[in-house]
Amino acid sequence: MWLKYKNPKEVKGLFTLVVTSKFLSQLSLRTKLNTKLGDPELLQKLIRKYGNDKFYFESKGKIKNQFFVWVSRIKEWGNQKNVKVKYNIQPTNTYKDEENENIIDFFDFSDKLNGEFQLTTNFTLKNYETRLKINSGKIEEYNKKSFLYKRYTISEKYLEQTNQIKKLAKEITIKERNYFEKARRIFDWVRENITYQYPPAQRGVIPTLKNRSGDCGEFNLLFVTLCRSVGIPARCVSGMWVIDGQAFHSWAEFYLEDVGWLPVDCTASQGLKKDKKFINFMKKIKNPLDPEYYFGNLDSKRIIFSKGSNILLKNCPGKLSRFKMMENCRSLFMQPTSTYPFCSGKSKGIFIIQMNSRLTIP
């Protein structure tokens, strides 16, 4: 069994992030929302008034103005090569996410509060289709002492290996010893038992399993966690479809010793079985229409932004926001428009941050 990268496609694009910030003082909160800082219903009131597509940050007026943004840089992976990236604004700092091999660009936009600006990313790259070649070769045992194995089999926030998850994973893979076939059974179970819903009611494997629904991110969090529960290293991948607009997508990978990371897209496979709109989309971008293709194979019509979960953000002030799923300076996933900023100011009140993005493919 081995992976082959073939049919390269040249991709040139412009990713534009329009960032708008607005400040609501204590007086504004009282007059516009009849509320104040410390109100347990504050987030719900803000969302009802200004929408759930924005970020809300509490400022207690104890430190100077701060406005930080972290962006996962497009970089080279096995099926994504010859990458060149150019920003219109240079990062304040760049560092490697050692746990997952991502490259993170940190921007200090503190001088741009209460206004609008654009961060643009010009890029070129070469995408390859990933094809899995199967023979009768034996599946090697894992090196359980390796960093890779330890990192990608752990239980972590939003990918908790609860007793319920472990029991389900064992039931799905019962009597199967081959790691490849175990992953295949988990893939089949997820695509047949989880209903696509966007946006999801909550993020994470616990509510996804409870509700039996979620978006592409939740499909793959569940696939990854079930794999890890039976000793198969697995991780999430965040990216975009290569089309004009805002077409973000997530899929997964699991690891086989002496083979590498095998791609899996439970959502695409399910969509090709049940969703006429999605089938038409895949026809439009000329992708394979066989639902079985998306276990072990991957098309070349995607851009990868990041891999892994709970990605560490350096230069982080500690508590990003009590309103967002961000703990201990870690981001559940990294896509530019999904990257959570941090904002605070000298005055008491609430900062409202809106980040609108668009990918343009010439």
Foldseek 3Di string as FASTA:
>chain_A
DAKDWDDKDKFWWKKKKKKAKDFQFQVNCCVVQVDGPPPPCVVVSCCVVPNPQWDKFFFPQPDAWWKKFKAFDFDDDPFKFPKDKDKPDAAPDWDALVLFRIIMGMHTPRVQHRGMDMIMMTMMIMGTWMDDDDDPDAFDDDPCVDSQLVSQLDADPLLHCDPVLLVVLCVQQPPPDGLLVSLVSLLVCLLVQAAEDPCDPDGGQVVCVVVSYHHQRNSASSSSSSSSSVRWGKKKWWWAFQDWWDGIHIWMWTATPPHGTFTARSPLLSCLVPPPVSLVVCVVVVHDSHSVCRGRIGDRRIGTRGMHAFGADPPDPADQHPVDPHHRRTHGDHHRQRTDMGTYHNGGGMMIMHIDMIMDTD
